[in-house]
């Protein structure tokens, strides 16, 4: 899977050089200024400058099944299995029955990325 020249890549480019807060529900996963992204197999490595230590950290996230703007400053990364199998009800039923080997913060969740206003 390659994200080059896709709507997802364009969405990531719109987020560059902005301060991001990444949420899972009400829990903050990561904060920082988004300076670079790189595809690493089926993950996206977000290079962020942390606000406190001004140090570059790499935050890796799986490529979402769907992604879109909620409004001008919020983006939704959808990792729900219903999104993966939305066009194929049989696939959705099979996916629903699978018990994951390890529970992650992304499995069957929605991640919200809040961006600061562009100055």
PDB file of N, CA and C in Angstrom:
ATOM      1  N   UNK A   1       0.845  -1.171   0.000  1.00  0.00           N
ATOM      2  CA  UNK A   1       0.000   0.000   0.000  1.00  0.00           C
ATOM      3  C   UNK A   1       0.890   1.233   0.000  1.00  0.00           C
ATOM      4  N   UNK A   2       0.584   2.155  -0.874  1.00  0.00           N
ATOM      5  CA  UNK A   2       1.357   3.378  -0.996  1.00  0.00           C
ATOM      6  C   UNK A   2       0.395   4.556  -0.926  1.00  0.00           C
ATOM      7  N   UNK A   3       0.708   5.548  -0.116  1.00  0.00           N
ATOM      8  CA  UNK A   3      -0.190   6.692   0.030  1.00  0.00           C
ATOM      9  C   UNK A   3       0.159   7.836  -0.918  1.00  0.00           C
ATOM     10  N   UNK A   4       1.181   7.677  -1.744  1.00  0.00           N
ATOM     11  CA  UNK A   4       1.581   8.743  -2.668  1.00  0.00           C
ATOM     12  C   UNK A   4       0.442   9.109  -3.603  1.00  0.00           C
ATOM     13  N   UNK A   5       0.253  10.413  -3.771  1.00  0.00           N
ATOM     14  CA  UNK A   5      -0.776  10.956  -4.671  1.00  0.00           C
ATOM     15  C   UNK A   5      -2.179  10.467  -4.323  1.00  0.00           C
ATOM     16  N   UNK A   6      -2.479  10.399  -3.039  1.00  0.00           N
ATOM     17  CA  UNK A   6      -3.813  10.006  -2.589  1.00  0.00           C
ATOM     18  C   UNK A   6      -4.418  11.148  -1.781  1.00  0.00           C
ATOM     19  N   UNK A   7      -5.734  11.126  -1.569  1.00  0.00           N
ATOM     20  CA  UNK A   7      -6.348  12.147  -0.703  1.00  0.00           C
ATOM     21  C   UNK A   7      -5.770  12.137   0.718  1.00  0.00           C
ATOM     22  N   UNK A   8      -5.367  10.950   1.202  1.00  0.00           N
ATOM     23  CA  UNK A   8      -4.784  10.877   2.546  1.00  0.00           C
ATOM     24  C   UNK A   8      -3.458  11.629   2.622  1.00  0.00           C
ATOM     25  N   UNK A   9      -2.630  11.504   1.595  1.00  0.00           N
ATOM     26  CA  UNK A   9      -1.366  12.242   1.565  1.00  0.00           C
ATOM     27  C   UNK A   9      -1.634  13.745   1.527  1.00  0.00           C
ATOM     28  N   UNK A  10      -2.620  14.170   0.750  1.00  0.00           N
ATOM     29  CA  UNK A  10      -2.973  15.591   0.686  1.00  0.00           C
ATOM     30  C   UNK A  10      -3.453  16.108   2.033  1.00  0.00           C
ATOM     31  N   UNK A  11      -4.198  15.286   2.745  1.00  0.00           N
ATOM     32  CA  UNK A  11      -4.673  15.657   4.073  1.00  0.00           C
ATOM     33  C   UNK A  11      -3.483  15.852   5.019  1.00  0.00           C
ATOM     34  N   UNK A  12      -2.507  14.935   4.978  1.00  0.00           N
ATOM     35  CA  UNK A  12      -1.317  15.065   5.822  1.00  0.00           C
ATOM     36  C   UNK A  12      -0.519  16.326   5.470  1.00  0.00           C
ATOM     37  N   UNK A  13      -0.439  16.639   4.194  1.00  0.00           N
ATOM     38  CA  UNK A  13       0.297  17.838   3.770  1.00  0.00           C
ATOM     39  C   UNK A  13      -0.363  19.103   4.313  1.00  0.00           C
ATOM     40  N   UNK A  14      -1.683  19.109   4.414  1.00  0.00           N
ATOM     41  CA  UNK A  14      -2.393  20.265   4.959  1.00  0.00           C
ATOM     42  C   UNK A  14      -2.140  20.444   6.448  1.00  0.00           C
ATOM     43  N   UNK A  15      -1.731  19.376   7.117  1.00  0.00           N
ATOM     44  CA  UNK A  15      -1.465  19.418   8.554  1.00  0.00           C
ATOM     45  C   UNK A  15      -0.042  19.874   8.882  1.00  0.00           C
ATOM     46  N   UNK A  16       0.856  19.865   7.898  1.00  0.00           N
ATOM     47  CA  UNK A  16       2.265  20.193   8.143  1.00  0.00           C
ATOM     48  C   UNK A  16       2.439  21.598   8.717  1.00  0.00           C
ATOM     49  N   UNK A  17       3.438  21.734   9.592  1.00  0.00           N
ATOM     50  CA  UNK A  17       3.818  22.993  10.227  1.00  0.00           C
ATOM     51  C   UNK A  17       2.732  23.561  11.153  1.00  0.00           C
ATOM     52  N   UNK A  18       1.836  22.711  11.595  1.00  0.00           N
ATOM     53  CA  UNK A  18       0.799  23.149  12.531  1.00  0.00           C
ATOM     54  C   UNK A  18       0.960  22.379  13.832  1.00  0.00           C
ATOM     55  N   UNK A  19       0.518  22.975  14.904  1.00  0.00           N
ATOM     56  CA  UNK A  19       0.546  22.310  16.203  1.00  0.00           C
ATOM     57  C   UNK A  19      -0.647  21.373  16.285  1.00  0.00           C
ATOM     58  N   UNK A  20      -0.371  20.104  16.625  1.00  0.00           N
ATOM     59  CA  UNK A  20      -1.405  19.077  16.659  1.00  0.00           C
ATOM     60  C   UNK A  20      -1.595  18.565  18.081  1.00  0.00           C
ATOM     61  N   UNK A  21      -2.826  18.197  18.377  1.00  0.00           N
ATOM     62  CA  UNK A  21      -3.147  17.430  19.573  1.00  0.00           C
ATOM     63  C   UNK A  21      -3.915  16.219  19.085  1.00  0.00           C
ATOM     64  N   UNK A  22      -3.408  15.035  19.408  1.00  0.00           N
ATOM     65  CA  UNK A  22      -4.003  13.784  18.944  1.00  0.00           C
ATOM     66  C   UNK A  22      -4.761  13.161  20.109  1.00  0.00           C
ATOM     67  N   UNK A  23      -6.078  12.932  19.906  1.00  0.00           N
ATOM     68  CA  UNK A  23      -6.963  12.419  20.951  1.00  0.00           C
ATOM     69  C   UNK A  23      -7.505  11.037  20.596  1.00  0.00           C
ATOM     70  N   UNK A  24      -7.691  10.233  21.625  1.00  0.00           N
ATOM     71  CA  UNK A  24      -8.448   8.985  21.543  1.00  0.00           C
ATOM     72  C   UNK A  24      -9.567   9.157  22.560  1.00  0.00           C
ATOM     73  N   UNK A  25     -10.748   9.543  22.086  1.00  0.00           N
ATOM     74  CA  UNK A  25     -11.811   9.927  23.013  1.00  0.00           C
ATOM     75  C   UNK A  25     -11.419  11.246  23.652  1.00  0.00           C
ATOM     76  N   UNK A  26     -11.390  11.293  24.982  1.00  0.00           N
ATOM     77  CA  UNK A  26     -10.969  12.503  25.683  1.00  0.00           C
ATOM     78  C   UNK A  26      -9.511  12.437  26.115  1.00  0.00           C
ATOM     79  N   UNK A  27      -8.867  11.301  25.865  1.00  0.00           N
ATOM     80  CA  UNK A  27      -7.477  11.099  26.289  1.00  0.00           C
ATOM     81  C   UNK A  27      -6.510  11.653  25.239  1.00  0.00           C
ATOM     82  N   UNK A  28      -5.569  12.481  25.668  1.00  0.00           N
ATOM     83  CA  UNK A  28      -4.556  13.034  24.776  1.00  0.00           C
ATOM     84  C   UNK A  28      -3.463  11.987  24.580  1.00  0.00           C
ATOM     85  N   UNK A  29      -3.203  11.638  23.314  1.00  0.00           N
ATOM     86  CA  UNK A  29      -2.152  10.675  22.998  1.00  0.00           C
ATOM     87  C   UNK A  29      -0.814  11.353  22.760  1.00  0.00           C
ATOM     88  N   UNK A  30      -0.832  12.493  22.045  1.00  0.00           N
ATOM     89  CA  UNK A  30       0.427  13.159  21.707  1.00  0.00           C
ATOM     90  C   UNK A  30       0.125  14.607  21.333  1.00  0.00           C
ATOM     91  N   UNK A  31       1.094  15.483  21.625  1.00  0.00           N
ATOM     92  CA  UNK A  31       1.034  16.901  21.244  1.00  0.00           C
ATOM     93  C   UNK A  31       2.357  17.288  20.618  1.00  0.00           C
ATOM     94  N   UNK A  32       2.287  18.226  19.674  1.00  0.00           N
ATOM     95  CA  UNK A  32       3.526  18.745  19.109  1.00  0.00           C
ATOM     96  C   UNK A  32       3.310  19.422  17.776  1.00  0.00           C
ATOM     97  N   UNK A  33       4.365  20.055  17.300  1.00  0.00           N
ATOM     98  CA  UNK A  33       4.342  20.708  15.987  1.00  0.00           C
ATOM     99  C   UNK A  33       4.717  19.667  14.942  1.00  0.00           C
ATOM    100  N   UNK A  34       3.861  19.488  13.957  1.00  0.00           N
ATOM    101  CA  UNK A  34       4.009  18.471  12.919  1.00  0.00           C
ATOM    102  C   UNK A  34       4.961  18.992  11.855  1.00  0.00           C
ATOM    103  N   UNK A  35       6.136  18.345  11.730  1.00  0.00           N
ATOM    104  CA  UNK A  35       7.135  18.853  10.789  1.00  0.00           C
ATOM    105  C   UNK A  35       7.408  17.937   9.607  1.00  0.00           C
ATOM    106  N   UNK A  36       7.095  16.642   9.737  1.00  0.00           N
ATOM    107  CA  UNK A  36       7.429  15.704   8.670  1.00  0.00           C
ATOM    108  C   UNK A  36       6.604  14.435   8.843  1.00  0.00           C
ATOM    109  N   UNK A  37       6.279  13.772   7.724  1.00  0.00           N
ATOM    110  CA  UNK A  37       5.652  12.456   7.807  1.00  0.00           C
ATOM    111  C   UNK A  37       6.328  11.525   6.813  1.00  0.00           C
ATOM    112  N   UNK A  38       6.274  10.247   7.143  1.00  0.00           N
ATOM    113  CA  UNK A  38       6.896   9.242   6.288  1.00  0.00           C
ATOM    114  C   UNK A  38       6.076   7.964   6.404  1.00  0.00           C
ATOM    115  N   UNK A  39       5.844   7.328   5.277  1.00  0.00           N
ATOM    116  CA  UNK A  39       5.160   6.037   5.306  1.00  0.00           C
ATOM    117  C   UNK A  39       6.172   4.957   5.661  1.00  0.00           C
ATOM    118  N   UNK A  40       5.804   4.123   6.607  1.00  0.00           N
ATOM    119  CA  UNK A  40       6.654   3.028   7.060  1.00  0.00           C
ATOM    120  C   UNK A  40       5.795   1.765   7.025  1.00  0.00           C
ATOM    121  N   UNK A  41       5.813   1.068   5.894  1.00  0.00           N
ATOM    122  CA  UNK A  41       4.941  -0.091   5.644  1.00  0.00           C
ATOM    123  C   UNK A  41       3.479   0.335   5.745  1.00  0.00           C
ATOM    124  N   UNK A  42       2.747  -0.161   6.735  1.00  0.00           N
ATOM    125  CA  UNK A  42       1.336   0.191   6.870  1.00  0.00           C
ATOM    126  C   UNK A  42       1.113   1.242   7.950  1.00  0.00           C
ATOM    127  N   UNK A  43       2.175   1.928   8.342  1.00  0.00           N
ATOM    128  CA  UNK A  43       2.101   2.980   9.352  1.00  0.00           C
ATOM    129  C   UNK A  43       2.531   4.305   8.759  1.00  0.00           C
ATOM    130  N   UNK A  44       2.116   5.365   9.434  1.00  0.00           N
ATOM    131  CA  UNK A  44       2.576   6.708   9.119  1.00  0.00           C
ATOM    132  C   UNK A  44       3.381   7.181  10.321  1.00  0.00           C
ATOM    133  N   UNK A  45       4.626   7.562  10.091  1.00  0.00           N
ATOM    134  CA  UNK A  45       5.462   8.109  11.150  1.00  0.00           C
ATOM    135  C   UNK A  45       5.327   9.627  11.115  1.00  0.00           C
ATOM    136  N   UNK A  46       4.777  10.179  12.187  1.00  0.00           N
ATOM    137  CA  UNK A  46       4.625  11.628  12.317  1.00  0.00           C
ATOM    138  C   UNK A  46       5.802  12.149  13.132  1.00  0.00           C
ATOM    139  N   UNK A  47       6.558  13.064  12.572  1.00  0.00           N
ATOM    140  CA  UNK A  47       7.680  13.678  13.277  1.00  0.00           C
ATOM    141  C   UNK A  47       7.160  14.966  13.906  1.00  0.00           C
ATOM    142  N   UNK A  48       7.184  15.000  15.230  1.00  0.00           N
ATOM    143  CA  UNK A  48       6.624  16.115  15.985  1.00  0.00           C
ATOM    144  C   UNK A  48       7.694  16.741  16.872  1.00  0.00           C
ATOM    145  N   UNK A  49       7.644  18.062  17.010  1.00  0.00           N
ATOM    146  CA  UNK A  49       8.480  18.750  17.993  1.00  0.00           C
ATOM    147  C   UNK A  49       7.618  18.923  19.230  1.00  0.00           C
ATOM    148  N   UNK A  50       8.058  18.316  20.342  1.00  0.00           N
ATOM    149  CA  UNK A  50       7.273  18.368  21.573  1.00  0.00           C
ATOM    150  C   UNK A  50       7.297  19.769  22.162  1.00  0.00           C
ATOM    151  N   UNK A  51       6.183  20.195  22.777  1.00  0.00           N
ATOM    152  CA  UNK A  51       6.119  21.569  23.278  1.00  0.00           C
ATOM    153  C   UNK A  51       7.036  21.844  24.474  1.00  0.00           C
ATOM    154  N   UNK A  52       7.243  20.865  25.358  1.00  0.00           N
ATOM    155  CA  UNK A  52       8.022  21.131  26.573  1.00  0.00           C
ATOM    156  C   UNK A  52       9.523  21.085  26.341  1.00  0.00           C
ATOM    157  N   UNK A  53      10.008  20.010  25.749  1.00  0.00           N
ATOM    158  CA  UNK A  53      11.456  19.825  25.603  1.00  0.00           C
ATOM    159  C   UNK A  53      11.997  20.297  24.256  1.00  0.00           C
ATOM    160  N   UNK A  54      11.106  20.697  23.334  1.00  0.00           N
ATOM    161  CA  UNK A  54      11.517  21.118  21.996  1.00  0.00           C
ATOM    162  C   UNK A  54      12.397  20.056  21.347  1.00  0.00           C
ATOM    163  N   UNK A  55      11.988  18.810  21.514  1.00  0.00           N
ATOM    164  CA  UNK A  55      12.730  17.671  20.990  1.00  0.00           C
ATOM    165  C   UNK A  55      11.869  16.983  19.938  1.00  0.00           C
ATOM    166  N   UNK A  56      12.489  16.458  18.887  1.00  0.00           N
ATOM    167  CA  UNK A  56      11.744  15.764  17.842  1.00  0.00           C
ATOM    168  C   UNK A  56      11.459  14.330  18.288  1.00  0.00           C
ATOM    169  N   UNK A  57      10.184  13.965  18.230  1.00  0.00           N
ATOM    170  CA  UNK A  57       9.769  12.591  18.520  1.00  0.00           C
ATOM    171  C   UNK A  57       9.036  12.053  17.302  1.00  0.00           C
ATOM    172  N   UNK A  58       9.083  10.750  17.132  1.00  0.00           N
ATOM    173  CA  UNK A  58       8.372  10.102  16.030  1.00  0.00           C
ATOM    174  C   UNK A  58       7.204   9.337  16.625  1.00  0.00           C
ATOM    175  N   UNK A  59       5.999   9.705  16.190  1.00  0.00           N
ATOM    176  CA  UNK A  59       4.789   9.039  16.655  1.00  0.00           C
ATOM    177  C   UNK A  59       4.231   8.236  15.485  1.00  0.00           C
ATOM    178  N   UNK A  60       4.171   6.937  15.639  1.00  0.00           N
ATOM    179  CA  UNK A  60       3.745   6.049  14.564  1.00  0.00           C
ATOM    180  C   UNK A  60       2.273   5.685  14.735  1.00  0.00           C
ATOM    181  N   UNK A  61       1.527   5.823  13.647  1.00  0.00           N
ATOM    182  CA  UNK A  61       0.097   5.492  13.628  1.00  0.00           C
ATOM    183  C   UNK A  61      -0.186   4.622  12.408  1.00  0.00           C
ATOM    184  N   UNK A  62      -1.075   3.634  12.533  1.00  0.00           N
ATOM    185  CA  UNK A  62      -1.461   2.874  11.343  1.00  0.00           C
ATOM    186  C   UNK A  62      -2.186   3.776  10.344  1.00  0.00           C
ATOM    187  N   UNK A  63      -2.100   3.432   9.086  1.00  0.00           N
ATOM    188  CA  UNK A  63      -2.862   4.158   8.077  1.00  0.00           C
ATOM    189  C   UNK A  63      -4.339   3.877   8.345  1.00  0.00           C
ATOM    190  N   UNK A  64      -5.159   4.923   8.492  1.00  0.00           N
ATOM    191  CA  UNK A  64      -6.568   4.691   8.833  1.00  0.00           C
ATOM    192  C   UNK A  64      -7.355   4.124   7.655  1.00  0.00           C
ATOM    193  N   UNK A  65      -8.473   3.475   7.977  1.00  0.00           N
ATOM    194  CA  UNK A  65      -9.362   2.954   6.938  1.00  0.00           C
ATOM    195  C   UNK A  65     -10.047   4.102   6.213  1.00  0.00           C
ATOM    196  N   UNK A  66     -10.386   5.151   6.957  1.00  0.00           N
ATOM    197  CA  UNK A  66     -10.968   6.366   6.390  1.00  0.00           C
ATOM    198  C   UNK A  66     -10.400   7.561   7.140  1.00  0.00           C
ATOM    199  N   UNK A  67     -10.310   8.681   6.452  1.00  0.00           N
ATOM    200  CA  UNK A  67      -9.871   9.922   7.095  1.00  0.00           C
ATOM    201  C   UNK A  67     -10.576  11.080   6.407  1.00  0.00           C
ATOM    202  N   UNK A  68     -11.002  12.050   7.205  1.00  0.00           N
ATOM    203  CA  UNK A  68     -11.639  13.229   6.631  1.00  0.00           C
ATOM    204  C   UNK A  68     -11.687  14.359   7.651  1.00  0.00           C
ATOM    205  N   UNK A  69     -11.943  15.559   7.157  1.00  0.00           N
ATOM    206  CA  UNK A  69     -12.071  16.729   8.008  1.00  0.00           C
ATOM    207  C   UNK A  69     -13.436  16.709   8.691  1.00  0.00           C
ATOM    208  N   UNK A  70     -13.437  16.939   9.996  1.00  0.00           N
ATOM    209  CA  UNK A  70     -14.686  17.134  10.727  1.00  0.00           C
ATOM    210  C   UNK A  70     -15.103  18.590  10.533  1.00  0.00           C
ATOM    211  N   UNK A  71     -14.157  19.482  10.720  1.00  0.00           N
ATOM    212  CA  UNK A  71     -14.308  20.902  10.415  1.00  0.00           C
ATOM    213  C   UNK A  71     -12.929  21.411  10.007  1.00  0.00           C
ATOM    214  N   UNK A  72     -12.744  22.704   9.931  1.00  0.00           N
ATOM    215  CA  UNK A  72     -11.485  23.226   9.403  1.00  0.00           C
ATOM    216  C   UNK A  72     -10.275  22.935  10.293  1.00  0.00           C
ATOM    217  N   UNK A  73     -10.493  22.611  11.563  1.00  0.00           N
ATOM    218  CA  UNK A  73      -9.370  22.385  12.475  1.00  0.00           C
ATOM    219  C   UNK A  73      -9.335  20.992  13.084  1.00  0.00           C
ATOM    220  N   UNK A  74     -10.238  20.115  12.715  1.00  0.00           N
ATOM    221  CA  UNK A  74     -10.280  18.773  13.289  1.00  0.00           C
ATOM    222  C   UNK A  74     -10.380  17.720  12.194  1.00  0.00           C
ATOM    223  N   UNK A  75      -9.554  16.679  12.349  1.00  0.00           N
ATOM    224  CA  UNK A  75      -9.520  15.587  11.380  1.00  0.00           C
ATOM    225  C   UNK A  75      -9.832  14.293  12.105  1.00  0.00           C
ATOM    226  N   UNK A  76     -10.579  13.431  11.444  1.00  0.00           N
ATOM    227  CA  UNK A  76     -10.944  12.141  12.003  1.00  0.00           C
ATOM    228  C   UNK A  76     -10.172  11.039  11.284  1.00  0.00           C
ATOM    229  N   UNK A  77      -9.449  10.219  12.041  1.00  0.00           N
ATOM    230  CA  UNK A  77      -8.834   9.006  11.528  1.00  0.00           C
ATOM    231  C   UNK A  77      -9.685   7.856  12.043  1.00  0.00           C
ATOM    232  N   UNK A  78     -10.347   7.159  11.131  1.00  0.00           N
ATOM    233  CA  UNK A  78     -11.293   6.112  11.500  1.00  0.00           C
ATOM    234  C   UNK A  78     -10.641   4.741  11.370  1.00  0.00           C
ATOM    235  N   UNK A  79     -10.542   4.046  12.495  1.00  0.00           N
ATOM    236  CA  UNK A  79      -9.966   2.698  12.535  1.00  0.00           C
ATOM    237  C   UNK A  79     -11.028   1.654  12.865  1.00  0.00           C
ATOM    238  N   UNK A  80     -12.296   2.009  12.739  1.00  0.00           N
ATOM    239  CA  UNK A  80     -13.372   1.076  13.090  1.00  0.00           C
ATOM    240  C   UNK A  80     -13.487  -0.022  12.037  1.00  0.00           C
ATOM    241  N   UNK A  81     -13.749  -1.242  12.497  1.00  0.00           N
ATOM    242  CA  UNK A  81     -13.875  -2.351  11.555  1.00  0.00           C
ATOM    243  C   UNK A  81     -15.116  -2.192  10.694  1.00  0.00           C
ATOM    244  N   UNK A  82     -16.097  -1.435  11.170  1.00  0.00           N
ATOM    245  CA  UNK A  82     -17.275  -1.172  10.343  1.00  0.00           C
ATOM    246  C   UNK A  82     -16.898  -0.335   9.118  1.00  0.00           C
ATOM    247  N   UNK A  83     -15.887   0.510   9.238  1.00  0.00           N
ATOM    248  CA  UNK A  83     -15.404   1.302   8.098  1.00  0.00           C
ATOM    249  C   UNK A  83     -14.650   0.430   7.110  1.00  0.00           C
ATOM    250  N   UNK A  84     -13.911  -0.529   7.624  1.00  0.00           N
ATOM    251  CA  UNK A  84     -13.159  -1.429   6.755  1.00  0.00           C
ATOM    252  C   UNK A  84     -14.094  -2.320   5.945  1.00  0.00           C
ATOM    253  N   UNK A  85     -15.156  -2.805   6.561  1.00  0.00           N
ATOM    254  CA  UNK A  85     -16.068  -3.713   5.878  1.00  0.00           C
ATOM    255  C   UNK A  85     -17.380  -3.095   5.476  1.00  0.00           C
ATOM    256  N   UNK A  86     -17.417  -1.753   5.302  1.00  0.00           N
ATOM    257  CA  UNK A  86     -18.700  -1.090   5.045  1.00  0.00           C
ATOM    258  C   UNK A  86     -19.334  -1.462   3.703  1.00  0.00           C
ATOM    259  N   UNK A  87     -18.550  -1.799   2.707  1.00  0.00           N
ATOM    260  CA  UNK A  87     -19.110  -2.162   1.403  1.00  0.00           C
ATOM    261  C   UNK A  87     -19.295  -3.660   1.235  1.00  0.00           C
ATOM    262  N   UNK A  88     -18.951  -4.412   2.278  1.00  0.00           N
ATOM    263  CA  UNK A  88     -19.041  -5.858   2.205  1.00  0.00           C
ATOM    264  C   UNK A  88     -19.554  -6.399   3.548  1.00  0.00           C
ATOM    265  N   UNK A  89     -20.865  -6.570   3.693  1.00  0.00           N
ATOM    266  CA  UNK A  89     -21.428  -7.023   4.977  1.00  0.00           C
ATOM    267  C   UNK A  89     -20.861  -8.364   5.452  1.00  0.00           C
ATOM    268  N   UNK A  90     -20.576  -9.279   4.539  1.00  0.00           N
ATOM    269  CA  UNK A  90     -20.002 -10.566   4.920  1.00  0.00           C
ATOM    270  C   UNK A  90     -18.632 -10.412   5.554  1.00  0.00           C
ATOM    271  N   UNK A  91     -17.818  -9.525   4.988  1.00  0.00           N
ATOM    272  CA  UNK A  91     -16.500  -9.258   5.538  1.00  0.00           C
ATOM    273  C   UNK A  91     -16.615  -8.632   6.920  1.00  0.00           C
ATOM    274  N   UNK A  92     -17.535  -7.694   7.082  1.00  0.00           N
ATOM    275  CA  UNK A  92     -17.724  -7.043   8.379  1.00  0.00           C
ATOM    276  C   UNK A  92     -18.072  -8.067   9.452  1.00  0.00           C
ATOM    277  N   UNK A  93     -18.952  -8.988   9.153  1.00  0.00           N
ATOM    278  CA  UNK A  93     -19.336 -10.012  10.134  1.00  0.00           C
ATOM    279  C   UNK A  93     -18.149 -10.892  10.509  1.00  0.00           C
ATOM    280  N   UNK A  94     -17.327 -11.238   9.539  1.00  0.00           N
ATOM    281  CA  UNK A  94     -16.130 -12.045   9.828  1.00  0.00           C
ATOM    282  C   UNK A  94     -15.127 -11.260  10.667  1.00  0.00           C
ATOM    283  N   UNK A  95     -14.930  -9.989  10.346  1.00  0.00           N
ATOM    284  CA  UNK A  95     -13.992  -9.156  11.096  1.00  0.00           C
ATOM    285  C   UNK A  95     -14.462  -8.957  12.541  1.00  0.00           C
ATOM    286  N   UNK A  96     -15.754  -8.825  12.714  1.00  0.00           N
ATOM    287  CA  UNK A  96     -16.325  -8.601  14.040  1.00  0.00           C
ATOM    288  C   UNK A  96     -16.071  -9.782  14.977  1.00  0.00           C
ATOM    289  N   UNK A  97     -15.965 -10.975  14.423  1.00  0.00           N
ATOM    290  CA  UNK A  97     -15.781 -12.179  15.226  1.00  0.00           C
ATOM    291  C   UNK A  97     -14.325 -12.430  15.610  1.00  0.00           C
ATOM    292  N   UNK A  98     -13.406 -11.728  14.982  1.00  0.00           N
ATOM    293  CA  UNK A  98     -11.985 -11.926  15.276  1.00  0.00           C
ATOM    294  C   UNK A  98     -11.636 -11.260  16.604  1.00  0.00           C
ATOM    295  N   UNK A  99     -10.962 -11.999  17.452  1.00  0.00           N
ATOM    296  CA  UNK A  99     -10.453 -11.442  18.702  1.00  0.00           C
ATOM    297  C   UNK A  99      -9.010 -11.012  18.459  1.00  0.00           C
ATOM    298  N   UNK A 100      -8.705  -9.724  18.670  1.00  0.00           N
ATOM    299  CA  UNK A 100      -7.333  -9.268  18.405  1.00  0.00           C
ATOM    300  C   UNK A 100      -6.341  -9.905  19.367  1.00  0.00           C
ATOM    301  N   UNK A 101      -5.144 -10.166  18.875  1.00  0.00           N
ATOM    302  CA  UNK A 101      -4.094 -10.761  19.706  1.00  0.00           C
ATOM    303  C   UNK A 101      -3.650  -9.776  20.792  1.00  0.00           C
ATOM    304  N   UNK A 102      -3.673  -8.502  20.454  1.00  0.00           N
ATOM    305  CA  UNK A 102      -3.248  -7.475  21.397  1.00  0.00           C
ATOM    306  C   UNK A 102      -4.139  -6.261  21.212  1.00  0.00           C
ATOM    307  N   UNK A 103      -4.680  -5.745  22.291  1.00  0.00           N
ATOM    308  CA  UNK A 103      -5.526  -4.552  22.227  1.00  0.00           C
ATOM    309  C   UNK A 103      -4.634  -3.326  22.081  1.00  0.00           C
ATOM    310  N   UNK A 104      -4.926  -2.506  21.089  1.00  0.00           N
ATOM    311  CA  UNK A 104      -4.184  -1.265  20.896  1.00  0.00           C
ATOM    312  C   UNK A 104      -5.133  -0.091  21.017  1.00  0.00           C
ATOM    313  N   UNK A 105      -4.577   1.081  21.144  1.00  0.00           N
ATOM    314  CA  UNK A 105      -5.410   2.283  21.265  1.00  0.00           C
ATOM    315  C   UNK A 105      -6.093   2.639  19.943  1.00  0.00           C
ATOM    316  N   UNK A 106      -5.686   2.006  18.843  1.00  0.00           N
ATOM    317  CA  UNK A 106      -6.275   2.299  17.543  1.00  0.00           C
ATOM    318  C   UNK A 106      -7.372   1.312  17.152  1.00  0.00           C
ATOM    319  N   UNK A 107      -7.328   0.093  17.679  1.00  0.00           N
ATOM    320  CA  UNK A 107      -8.251  -0.953  17.251  1.00  0.00           C
ATOM    321  C   UNK A 107      -9.701  -0.550  17.497  1.00  0.00           C
ATOM    322  N   UNK A 108     -10.482  -0.518  16.424  1.00  0.00           N
ATOM    323  CA  UNK A 108     -11.914  -0.236  16.454  1.00  0.00           C
ATOM    324  C   UNK A 108     -12.227   1.097  17.141  1.00  0.00           C
ATOM    325  N   UNK A 109     -11.390   2.104  16.911  1.00  0.00           N
ATOM    326  CA  UNK A 109     -11.559   3.427  17.510  1.00  0.00           C
ATOM    327  C   UNK A 109     -11.491   4.518  16.447  1.00  0.00           C
ATOM    328  N   UNK A 110     -11.847   5.699  16.890  1.00  0.00           N
ATOM    329  CA  UNK A 110     -11.689   6.895  16.073  1.00  0.00           C
ATOM    330  C   UNK A 110     -10.697   7.808  16.788  1.00  0.00           C
ATOM    331  N   UNK A 111      -9.749   8.314  16.039  1.00  0.00           N
ATOM    332  CA  UNK A 111      -8.740   9.228  16.571  1.00  0.00           C
ATOM    333  C   UNK A 111      -9.032  10.613  15.991  1.00  0.00           C
ATOM    334  N   UNK A 112      -9.070  11.603  16.859  1.00  0.00           N
ATOM    335  CA  UNK A 112      -9.303  12.977  16.430  1.00  0.00           C
ATOM    336  C   UNK A 112      -7.973  13.727  16.516  1.00  0.00           C
ATOM    337  N   UNK A 113      -7.651  14.444  15.457  1.00  0.00           N
ATOM    338  CA  UNK A 113      -6.455  15.287  15.445  1.00  0.00           C
ATOM    339  C   UNK A 113      -6.924  16.728  15.343  1.00  0.00           C
ATOM    340  N   UNK A 114      -6.603  17.477  16.381  1.00  0.00           N
ATOM    341  CA  UNK A 114      -6.983  18.883  16.439  1.00  0.00           C
ATOM    342  C   UNK A 114      -5.777  19.727  16.040  1.00  0.00           C
ATOM    343  N   UNK A 115      -5.981  20.647  15.116  1.00  0.00           N
ATOM    344  CA  UNK A 115      -4.898  21.505  14.645  1.00  0.00           C
ATOM    345  C   UNK A 115      -5.130  22.926  15.146  1.00  0.00           C
ATOM    346  N   UNK A 116      -4.032  23.634  15.401  1.00  0.00           N
ATOM    347  CA  UNK A 116      -4.162  25.034  15.771  1.00  0.00           C
ATOM    348  C   UNK A 116      -4.580  25.845  14.544  1.00  0.00           C
ATOM    349  N   UNK A 117      -4.973  27.059  14.776  1.00  0.00           N
ATOM    350  CA  UNK A 117      -5.333  27.938  13.665  1.00  0.00           C
ATOM    351  C   UNK A 117      -4.084  28.357  12.914  1.00  0.00           C
ATOM    352  N   UNK A 118      -4.185  28.479  11.602  1.00  0.00           N
ATOM    353  CA  UNK A 118      -3.060  28.939  10.793  1.00  0.00           C
ATOM    354  C   UNK A 118      -2.938  30.440  10.976  1.00  0.00           C
ATOM    355  N   UNK A 119      -1.728  30.878  11.319  1.00  0.00           N
ATOM    356  CA  UNK A 119      -1.517  32.315  11.543  1.00  0.00           C
ATOM    357  C   UNK A 119      -0.952  32.969  10.318  1.00  0.00           C
TER     358      UNK A 119
END
